[in-house]
Amino acid sequence: MKSQIEADFIIVENGRYGGVGKVLGLLKKITEFQIRSARYATPLTLLPGNVPIYECLDQLISEEKLFSVAYCDIDNFKPYNDVYGYGDGDKIIKLIADKLRQEVDTVEYFIGHVGRDDFIVIFSSSDWTERCNRILNTFSTQIHDYYTDEDRSRGGIFSISREGDNRFFPIMTLSIGVATPNINQFFSHHDIANMASQAKHNAKNIIGNSLFIDRRH
């Protein structure tokens, strides 16, 4: 009699019989995936970094599957980091990662951490607009808890800008740019990354917590 680890299981795709698999083989694949994800994970959030992000995009392109890419970026994060320190800055990064995990099922979707305060979410369903709006609403509600009473009351902080002058920076907001590429017009993750990056920049040009949707396809 076979042990559970040696047992077979039926593979079903779109409601149809697709074959038979081995539990042991599946466990090996899962282990390989976990090891690879850990190798390229960002230490602070343990989310996949650039290499797995690009591999996921290339795979979706090769399979000709429809998907949307959301590029998330925090506005006024650097001044906050300068004033409150890297320890508190890391808390904001973890806050974003936690909110993405709560709103996005990593079994069905892909969450990646590009670097510091930049995140990528790859959606394979059509309800991404609602999910992005819930992420924005949650962030706008909770971000105030990471400021002192004085900074909350005046709506922001004073810090040195990139130009070297002392400026007022409003409380941090979140910008999300979303691109839904036409799979017949894009051939690599570089094309998709450029499109998502442009959508993110357009979102950052909108004041406050914002969602910009690139509808060019």
Protein backbone atom coordinates (compact mmCIF):
# COMPACT_ATOMS: atom_id res chain seq x y z
CA MET A 1 0.00 0.00 0.00
CA LYS A 2 1.38 3.39 -1.01
CA SER A 3 2.11 6.02 1.62
CA GLN A 4 0.43 9.41 1.26
CA ILE A 5 3.62 10.96 -0.08
CA GLU A 6 3.79 8.32 -2.83
CA ALA A 7 0.11 8.64 -3.75
CA ASP A 8 -1.25 9.92 -7.06
CA PHE A 9 -3.66 12.81 -7.56
CA ILE A 10 -5.87 13.83 -10.47
CA ILE A 11 -5.05 17.05 -12.35
CA VAL A 12 -8.05 19.09 -13.49
CA GLU A 13 -7.79 22.10 -15.78
CA ASN A 14 -10.84 24.26 -16.54
CA GLY A 15 -13.08 21.53 -15.22
CA ARG A 16 -11.57 18.85 -17.47
CA TYR A 17 -9.33 15.90 -16.71
CA GLY A 18 -5.72 16.83 -17.34
CA GLY A 19 -3.81 13.79 -16.14
CA VAL A 20 -2.32 12.25 -13.00
CA GLY A 21 0.41 13.66 -10.80
CA LYS A 22 2.57 12.40 -7.96
CA VAL A 23 2.34 13.98 -4.49
CA LEU A 24 6.10 13.56 -4.07
CA GLY A 25 6.75 15.35 -7.36
CA LEU A 26 4.45 18.21 -6.35
CA LEU A 27 6.19 18.57 -2.99
CA LYS A 28 9.57 18.73 -4.73
CA LYS A 29 8.34 21.48 -7.04
CA ILE A 30 6.91 23.45 -4.10
CA THR A 31 10.20 23.12 -2.22
CA GLU A 32 12.20 24.25 -5.26
CA PHE A 33 9.91 27.25 -5.67
CA GLN A 34 10.22 28.20 -1.99
CA ILE A 35 14.01 27.96 -2.09
CA ARG A 36 14.18 30.05 -5.25
CA SER A 37 11.76 32.65 -3.86
CA ALA A 38 13.80 32.90 -0.64
CA ARG A 39 17.01 33.32 -2.65
CA TYR A 40 15.66 36.37 -4.49
CA ALA A 41 13.43 37.72 -1.70
CA THR A 42 13.84 41.22 -0.31
CA PRO A 43 15.05 40.73 3.30
CA LEU A 44 12.80 43.36 4.89
CA THR A 45 9.49 42.08 3.49
CA LEU A 46 10.48 38.57 2.31
CA LEU A 47 8.64 39.33 -0.93
CA PRO A 48 10.11 38.26 -4.29
CA GLY A 49 12.53 40.72 -5.88
CA ASN A 50 13.23 41.72 -9.47
CA VAL A 51 14.29 38.32 -10.85
CA PRO A 52 11.05 36.47 -9.90
CA ILE A 53 8.99 39.49 -11.01
CA TYR A 54 10.56 39.45 -14.47
CA GLU A 55 10.23 35.67 -14.73
CA CYS A 56 6.54 35.86 -13.85
CA LEU A 57 5.93 38.53 -16.51
CA ASP A 58 7.80 36.60 -19.18
CA GLN A 59 5.84 33.45 -18.34
CA LEU A 60 2.50 35.27 -18.61
CA ILE A 61 3.56 36.74 -21.96
CA SER A 62 4.63 33.34 -23.30
CA GLU A 63 1.33 31.79 -22.18
CA GLU A 64 -0.59 34.71 -23.73
CA LYS A 65 -2.58 35.25 -20.55
CA LEU A 66 -4.36 38.50 -19.76
CA PHE A 67 -3.05 40.35 -16.71
CA SER A 68 -2.68 43.79 -15.16
CA VAL A 69 0.41 45.19 -13.44
CA ALA A 70 0.09 47.62 -10.53
CA TYR A 71 3.16 49.64 -9.58
CA CYS A 72 2.88 51.01 -6.01
CA ASP A 73 5.05 53.82 -4.68
CA ILE A 74 4.95 55.94 -1.52
CA ASP A 75 4.93 59.73 -1.90
CA ASN A 76 7.14 61.79 0.47
CA PHE A 77 8.80 58.68 1.87
CA LYS A 78 12.39 60.01 1.77
CA PRO A 79 11.67 63.10 3.92
CA TYR A 80 9.91 60.86 6.45
CA ASN A 81 12.92 58.54 6.48
CA ASP A 82 15.25 61.51 7.02
CA VAL A 83 13.26 62.91 9.93
CA TYR A 84 12.04 59.76 11.69
CA GLY A 85 14.97 57.48 10.87
CA TYR A 86 15.37 54.22 8.98
CA GLY A 87 13.77 52.16 11.74
CA ASP A 88 10.44 53.96 11.40
CA GLY A 89 10.89 54.03 7.64
CA ASP A 90 11.13 50.25 7.65
CA LYS A 91 7.81 50.12 9.51
CA ILE A 92 6.16 51.96 6.62
CA ILE A 93 7.64 49.50 4.12
CA LYS A 94 6.31 46.59 6.19
CA LEU A 95 2.93 48.32 6.42
CA ILE A 96 2.63 48.41 2.63
CA ALA A 97 3.75 44.79 2.32
CA ASP A 98 1.20 43.68 4.94
CA LYS A 99 -1.65 45.60 3.27
CA LEU A 100 -0.81 44.07 -0.09
CA ARG A 101 -0.77 40.58 1.40
CA GLN A 102 -4.12 41.19 3.12
CA GLU A 103 -5.78 42.40 -0.03
CA VAL A 104 -4.04 40.24 -2.62
CA ASP A 105 -4.15 36.45 -2.56
CA THR A 106 -0.59 35.31 -3.36
CA VAL A 107 -1.92 31.99 -4.66
CA GLU A 108 -3.86 33.72 -7.41
CA TYR A 109 -1.76 36.88 -7.77
CA PHE A 110 1.90 37.87 -7.57
CA ILE A 111 3.34 40.46 -5.17
CA GLY A 112 6.90 41.66 -5.66
CA HIS A 113 9.14 44.15 -3.85
CA VAL A 114 11.16 46.09 -6.42
CA GLY A 115 13.14 48.00 -3.82
CA ARG A 116 12.70 50.28 -0.80
CA ASP A 117 9.18 51.79 -1.20
CA ASP A 118 8.34 50.35 -4.63
CA PHE A 119 6.10 47.29 -5.04
CA ILE A 120 4.64 45.39 -7.97
CA VAL A 121 1.37 43.45 -7.99
CA ILE A 122 0.44 41.29 -10.98
CA PHE A 123 -3.32 40.70 -11.17
CA SER A 124 -4.87 37.93 -13.24
CA SER A 125 -8.51 38.80 -12.53
CA SER A 126 -10.74 41.75 -13.41
CA ASP A 127 -11.41 43.00 -9.86
CA TRP A 128 -8.04 44.73 -9.45
CA THR A 129 -9.59 48.23 -9.43
CA GLU A 130 -11.58 47.46 -6.27
CA ARG A 131 -8.56 45.85 -4.65
CA CYS A 132 -6.31 48.83 -5.43
CA ASN A 133 -8.88 51.26 -4.06
CA ARG A 134 -9.17 49.28 -0.83
CA ILE A 135 -5.37 49.32 -0.48
CA LEU A 136 -5.36 53.10 -0.96
CA ASN A 137 -8.18 53.63 1.54
CA THR A 138 -6.52 51.47 4.18
CA PHE A 139 -3.17 53.19 3.74
CA SER A 140 -4.69 56.69 3.96
CA THR A 141 -6.44 55.72 7.20
CA GLN A 142 -3.52 54.05 8.97
CA ILE A 143 -0.54 56.16 7.86
CA HIS A 144 -1.37 58.93 10.34
CA ASP A 145 -0.57 56.56 13.22
CA TYR A 146 3.11 56.67 12.21
CA TYR A 147 3.44 60.42 12.84
CA THR A 148 3.73 62.35 16.10
CA ASP A 149 0.73 64.32 17.36
CA GLU A 150 2.46 67.55 16.36
CA ASP A 151 3.13 66.41 12.80
CA ARG A 152 -0.39 65.01 12.45
CA SER A 153 -1.94 68.28 13.58
CA ARG A 154 -0.02 70.33 11.00
CA GLY A 155 -0.45 67.70 8.28
CA GLY A 156 3.19 66.85 7.61
CA ILE A 157 6.85 67.48 8.41
CA PHE A 158 9.67 69.85 7.57
CA SER A 159 12.76 68.30 6.00
CA ILE A 160 15.62 69.06 3.65
CA SER A 161 14.63 68.58 0.00
CA ARG A 162 16.78 67.06 -2.73
CA GLU A 163 17.63 70.63 -3.76
CA GLY A 164 19.01 71.37 -0.28
CA ASP A 165 16.33 73.72 1.04
CA ASN A 166 14.08 73.26 4.07
CA ARG A 167 10.58 72.38 2.85
CA PHE A 168 7.25 71.21 4.17
CA PHE A 169 6.24 67.70 3.09
CA PRO A 170 2.63 66.58 3.59
CA ILE A 171 1.79 63.28 5.26
CA MET A 172 2.75 60.36 3.04
CA THR A 173 0.34 59.13 0.41
CA LEU A 174 0.34 56.09 -1.86
CA SER A 175 0.39 56.20 -5.66
CA ILE A 176 -0.61 53.19 -7.77
CA GLY A 177 -0.18 53.09 -11.53
CA VAL A 178 -1.84 50.20 -13.36
CA ALA A 179 -1.12 48.96 -16.89
CA THR A 180 -3.03 46.23 -18.71
CA PRO A 181 -0.77 45.36 -21.64
CA ASN A 182 -1.90 43.97 -24.95
CA ILE A 183 -0.10 40.62 -25.02
CA ASN A 184 0.20 40.82 -28.81
CA GLN A 185 2.26 44.01 -28.62
CA PHE A 186 4.74 43.20 -25.85
CA PHE A 187 7.53 40.67 -26.09
CA SER A 188 9.43 40.84 -22.79
CA HIS A 189 9.22 41.97 -19.20
CA HIS A 190 11.21 45.10 -20.14
CA ASP A 191 8.27 46.39 -22.20
CA ILE A 192 5.80 45.72 -19.40
CA ALA A 193 8.07 47.22 -16.74
CA ASN A 194 8.44 50.44 -18.75
CA MET A 195 4.68 50.69 -19.22
CA ALA A 196 3.98 50.11 -15.51
CA SER A 197 6.70 52.56 -14.50
CA GLN A 198 5.15 55.28 -16.67
CA ALA A 199 1.74 54.59 -15.14
CA LYS A 200 3.32 54.97 -11.69
CA HIS A 201 4.83 58.34 -12.61
CA ASN A 202 1.46 59.53 -13.86
CA ALA A 203 -0.13 58.44 -10.58
CA LYS A 204 2.48 60.39 -8.61
CA ASN A 205 1.56 63.54 -10.54
CA ILE A 206 -1.90 63.33 -8.94
CA ILE A 207 -2.11 64.94 -5.49
CA GLY A 208 -2.98 62.61 -2.62
CA ASN A 209 -3.61 58.87 -2.61
CA SER A 210 -4.10 58.11 -6.27
CA LEU A 211 -4.81 55.40 -8.81
CA PHE A 212 -3.81 55.98 -12.44
CA ILE A 213 -4.96 53.51 -15.08
CA ASP A 214 -3.13 53.32 -18.40
CA ARG A 215 -5.82 52.50 -20.98
CA ARG A 216 -3.65 52.80 -24.10
CA HIS A 217 -4.01 49.12 -25.02
